[in-house]
Amino acid sequence: MESSGEEYDCAVYLERHKDVKAWVRNTSRQPHSFWLQTSSDKFYPDFIALLHDGRVLVLEYKGAPYFTNDDSKEKRLVGDLWADRSAGKGLFLMIESREFARIDQAIRG
């Protein structure tokens, strides 16, 4: 990850968040990375965060030009379905343009 830019700022936000116990940058290169199945391939969300209350926040960060494309729409649907089926233990969020307040809203419910 570059040491500047939107995704970096998101990582810093997670690092400093009072409700985040630990987080990782999720990449496809690791043998135990978290992924969700889409219709065409595996989707590796950008960040996975363990919250102090035991829930898991799965976060995908999109640049503005990609936020509304068909690929992102499918990823959002799959992520929302995963969260819905997690019985309250998982949160999925896709954000853009440094919408970090949405992380707070998702955690608070």
C-alpha atoms as a PDB file:
ATOM      1  CA  MET A   1       0.000   0.000   0.000  1.00  0.00           C
ATOM      2  CA  GLU A   2       1.230   3.458  -0.833  1.00  0.00           C
ATOM      3  CA  SER A   3       1.948   5.670   2.181  1.00  0.00           C
ATOM      4  CA  SER A   4      -0.488   8.281   0.929  1.00  0.00           C
ATOM      5  CA  GLY A   5      -3.847   8.430  -0.787  1.00  0.00           C
ATOM      6  CA  GLU A   6      -7.412   7.452   0.019  1.00  0.00           C
ATOM      7  CA  GLU A   7      -6.814   3.796   0.956  1.00  0.00           C
ATOM      8  CA  TYR A   8      -3.906   4.790   3.177  1.00  0.00           C
ATOM      9  CA  ASP A   9      -6.108   7.357   4.916  1.00  0.00           C
ATOM     10  CA  CYS A  10      -8.709   4.625   5.435  1.00  0.00           C
ATOM     11  CA  ALA A  11      -6.077   2.376   7.036  1.00  0.00           C
ATOM     12  CA  VAL A  12      -5.016   5.209   9.355  1.00  0.00           C
ATOM     13  CA  TYR A  13      -8.660   5.791  10.284  1.00  0.00           C
ATOM     14  CA  LEU A  14      -9.097   2.118  11.202  1.00  0.00           C
ATOM     15  CA  GLU A  15      -5.844   2.118  13.159  1.00  0.00           C
ATOM     16  CA  ARG A  16      -6.987   5.054  15.274  1.00  0.00           C
ATOM     17  CA  HIS A  17     -10.630   4.009  15.685  1.00  0.00           C
ATOM     18  CA  LYS A  18     -11.596   3.381  19.316  1.00  0.00           C
ATOM     19  CA  ASP A  19     -13.881   0.439  18.406  1.00  0.00           C
ATOM     20  CA  VAL A  20     -11.301  -1.415  16.277  1.00  0.00           C
ATOM     21  CA  LYS A  21      -9.280  -4.005  18.169  1.00  0.00           C
ATOM     22  CA  ALA A  22      -7.186  -5.088  15.157  1.00  0.00           C
ATOM     23  CA  TRP A  23      -7.298  -4.824  11.381  1.00  0.00           C
ATOM     24  CA  VAL A  24      -5.519  -6.216   8.334  1.00  0.00           C
ATOM     25  CA  ARG A  25      -5.067  -5.175   4.738  1.00  0.00           C
ATOM     26  CA  ASN A  26      -6.727  -8.051   2.910  1.00  0.00           C
ATOM     27  CA  THR A  27      -5.003  -9.110  -0.307  1.00  0.00           C
ATOM     28  CA  SER A  28      -5.401 -12.050  -2.640  1.00  0.00           C
ATOM     29  CA  ARG A  29      -1.692 -12.874  -2.237  1.00  0.00           C
ATOM     30  CA  GLN A  30      -2.028 -14.340   1.259  1.00  0.00           C
ATOM     31  CA  PRO A  31      -3.019 -18.013   1.634  1.00  0.00           C
ATOM     32  CA  HIS A  32      -5.778 -17.321   4.187  1.00  0.00           C
ATOM     33  CA  SER A  33      -7.207 -14.087   2.787  1.00  0.00           C
ATOM     34  CA  PHE A  34     -10.911 -13.436   3.197  1.00  0.00           C
ATOM     35  CA  TRP A  35     -12.904 -13.590  -0.018  1.00  0.00           C
ATOM     36  CA  LEU A  36     -16.484 -13.606  -1.221  1.00  0.00           C
ATOM     37  CA  GLN A  37     -17.645 -15.326  -4.397  1.00  0.00           C
ATOM     38  CA  THR A  38     -19.070 -13.188  -7.206  1.00  0.00           C
ATOM     39  CA  SER A  39     -20.577 -14.497 -10.433  1.00  0.00           C
ATOM     40  CA  SER A  40     -17.210 -14.382 -12.196  1.00  0.00           C
ATOM     41  CA  ASP A  41     -14.430 -14.563  -9.600  1.00  0.00           C
ATOM     42  CA  LYS A  42     -13.387 -14.097  -5.997  1.00  0.00           C
ATOM     43  CA  PHE A  43     -13.770 -10.685  -4.368  1.00  0.00           C
ATOM     44  CA  TYR A  44     -11.131  -9.738  -1.769  1.00  0.00           C
ATOM     45  CA  PRO A  45     -12.380  -6.720   0.228  1.00  0.00           C
ATOM     46  CA  ASP A  46      -9.647  -4.229   1.094  1.00  0.00           C
ATOM     47  CA  PHE A  47      -9.779  -4.311   4.897  1.00  0.00           C
ATOM     48  CA  ILE A  48     -10.912  -6.704   7.618  1.00  0.00           C
ATOM     49  CA  ALA A  49     -11.300  -5.284  11.136  1.00  0.00           C
ATOM     50  CA  LEU A  50     -12.049  -7.067  14.388  1.00  0.00           C
ATOM     51  CA  LEU A  51     -14.103  -4.844  16.643  1.00  0.00           C
ATOM     52  CA  HIS A  52     -13.817  -4.827  20.425  1.00  0.00           C
ATOM     53  CA  ASP A  53     -17.355  -6.212  20.688  1.00  0.00           C
ATOM     54  CA  GLY A  54     -16.380  -9.286  18.635  1.00  0.00           C
ATOM     55  CA  ARG A  55     -18.000  -8.308  15.352  1.00  0.00           C
ATOM     56  CA  VAL A  56     -16.024  -8.236  12.115  1.00  0.00           C
ATOM     57  CA  LEU A  57     -16.105  -5.244   9.769  1.00  0.00           C
ATOM     58  CA  VAL A  58     -15.368  -6.054   6.135  1.00  0.00           C
ATOM     59  CA  LEU A  59     -14.579  -2.867   4.241  1.00  0.00           C
ATOM     60  CA  GLU A  60     -14.147  -2.210   0.534  1.00  0.00           C
ATOM     61  CA  TYR A  61     -12.747   1.170  -0.503  1.00  0.00           C
ATOM     62  CA  LYS A  62     -13.575   2.357  -4.021  1.00  0.00           C
ATOM     63  CA  GLY A  63     -12.334   5.325  -5.945  1.00  0.00           C
ATOM     64  CA  ALA A  64     -15.150   7.623  -7.100  1.00  0.00           C
ATOM     65  CA  PRO A  65     -15.083   6.525 -10.770  1.00  0.00           C
ATOM     66  CA  TYR A  66     -15.592   2.876  -9.777  1.00  0.00           C
ATOM     67  CA  PHE A  67     -18.160   3.201  -6.993  1.00  0.00           C
ATOM     68  CA  THR A  68     -21.241   2.813  -9.203  1.00  0.00           C
ATOM     69  CA  ASN A  69     -20.014   0.459 -11.929  1.00  0.00           C
ATOM     70  CA  ASP A  70     -21.567  -3.006 -12.380  1.00  0.00           C
ATOM     71  CA  ASP A  71     -18.639  -4.781 -10.712  1.00  0.00           C
ATOM     72  CA  SER A  72     -18.995  -2.641  -7.577  1.00  0.00           C
ATOM     73  CA  LYS A  73     -22.762  -3.129  -7.538  1.00  0.00           C
ATOM     74  CA  GLU A  74     -22.302  -6.903  -7.544  1.00  0.00           C
ATOM     75  CA  LYS A  75     -19.640  -6.739  -4.825  1.00  0.00           C
ATOM     76  CA  ARG A  76     -21.932  -4.587  -2.692  1.00  0.00           C
ATOM     77  CA  LEU A  77     -24.799  -7.081  -3.130  1.00  0.00           C
ATOM     78  CA  VAL A  78     -22.584 -10.045  -2.222  1.00  0.00           C
ATOM     79  CA  GLY A  79     -21.094  -8.209   0.776  1.00  0.00           C
ATOM     80  CA  ASP A  80     -24.508  -7.148   2.025  1.00  0.00           C
ATOM     81  CA  LEU A  81     -25.771 -10.727   1.692  1.00  0.00           C
ATOM     82  CA  TRP A  82     -22.749 -12.034   3.637  1.00  0.00           C
ATOM     83  CA  ALA A  83     -23.401  -9.494   6.415  1.00  0.00           C
ATOM     84  CA  ASP A  84     -27.114 -10.326   6.461  1.00  0.00           C
ATOM     85  CA  ARG A  85     -26.365 -14.034   6.837  1.00  0.00           C
ATOM     86  CA  SER A  86     -23.802 -13.472   9.609  1.00  0.00           C
ATOM     87  CA  ALA A  87     -26.447 -13.238  12.339  1.00  0.00           C
ATOM     88  CA  GLY A  88     -25.169  -9.816  13.408  1.00  0.00           C
ATOM     89  CA  LYS A  89     -21.512 -10.866  13.680  1.00  0.00           C
ATOM     90  CA  GLY A  90     -20.402  -9.315  10.384  1.00  0.00           C
ATOM     91  CA  LEU A  91     -20.664  -5.835   8.922  1.00  0.00           C
ATOM     92  CA  PHE A  92     -19.993  -5.024   5.272  1.00  0.00           C
ATOM     93  CA  LEU A  93     -19.352  -1.526   4.034  1.00  0.00           C
ATOM     94  CA  MET A  94     -18.261  -0.067   0.708  1.00  0.00           C
ATOM     95  CA  ILE A  95     -17.129   3.550   0.904  1.00  0.00           C
ATOM     96  CA  GLU A  96     -15.622   6.171  -1.370  1.00  0.00           C
ATOM     97  CA  SER A  97     -14.210   9.687  -1.140  1.00  0.00           C
ATOM     98  CA  ARG A  98     -13.027   9.421   2.459  1.00  0.00           C
ATOM     99  CA  GLU A  99     -16.552   8.781   3.821  1.00  0.00           C
ATOM    100  CA  PHE A 100     -15.056   7.622   7.111  1.00  0.00           C
ATOM    101  CA  ALA A 101     -18.092   8.780   9.127  1.00  0.00           C
ATOM    102  CA  ARG A 102     -19.965   5.896   7.477  1.00  0.00           C
ATOM    103  CA  ILE A 103     -17.631   3.494   9.312  1.00  0.00           C
ATOM    104  CA  ASP A 104     -18.794   5.020  12.614  1.00  0.00           C
ATOM    105  CA  GLN A 105     -22.438   4.751  11.530  1.00  0.00           C
ATOM    106  CA  ALA A 106     -22.044   1.092  10.533  1.00  0.00           C
ATOM    107  CA  ILE A 107     -20.369   0.183  13.833  1.00  0.00           C
ATOM    108  CA  ARG A 108     -22.987   2.004  15.911  1.00  0.00           C
ATOM    109  CA  GLY A 109     -25.773   0.385  13.897  1.00  0.00           C
END
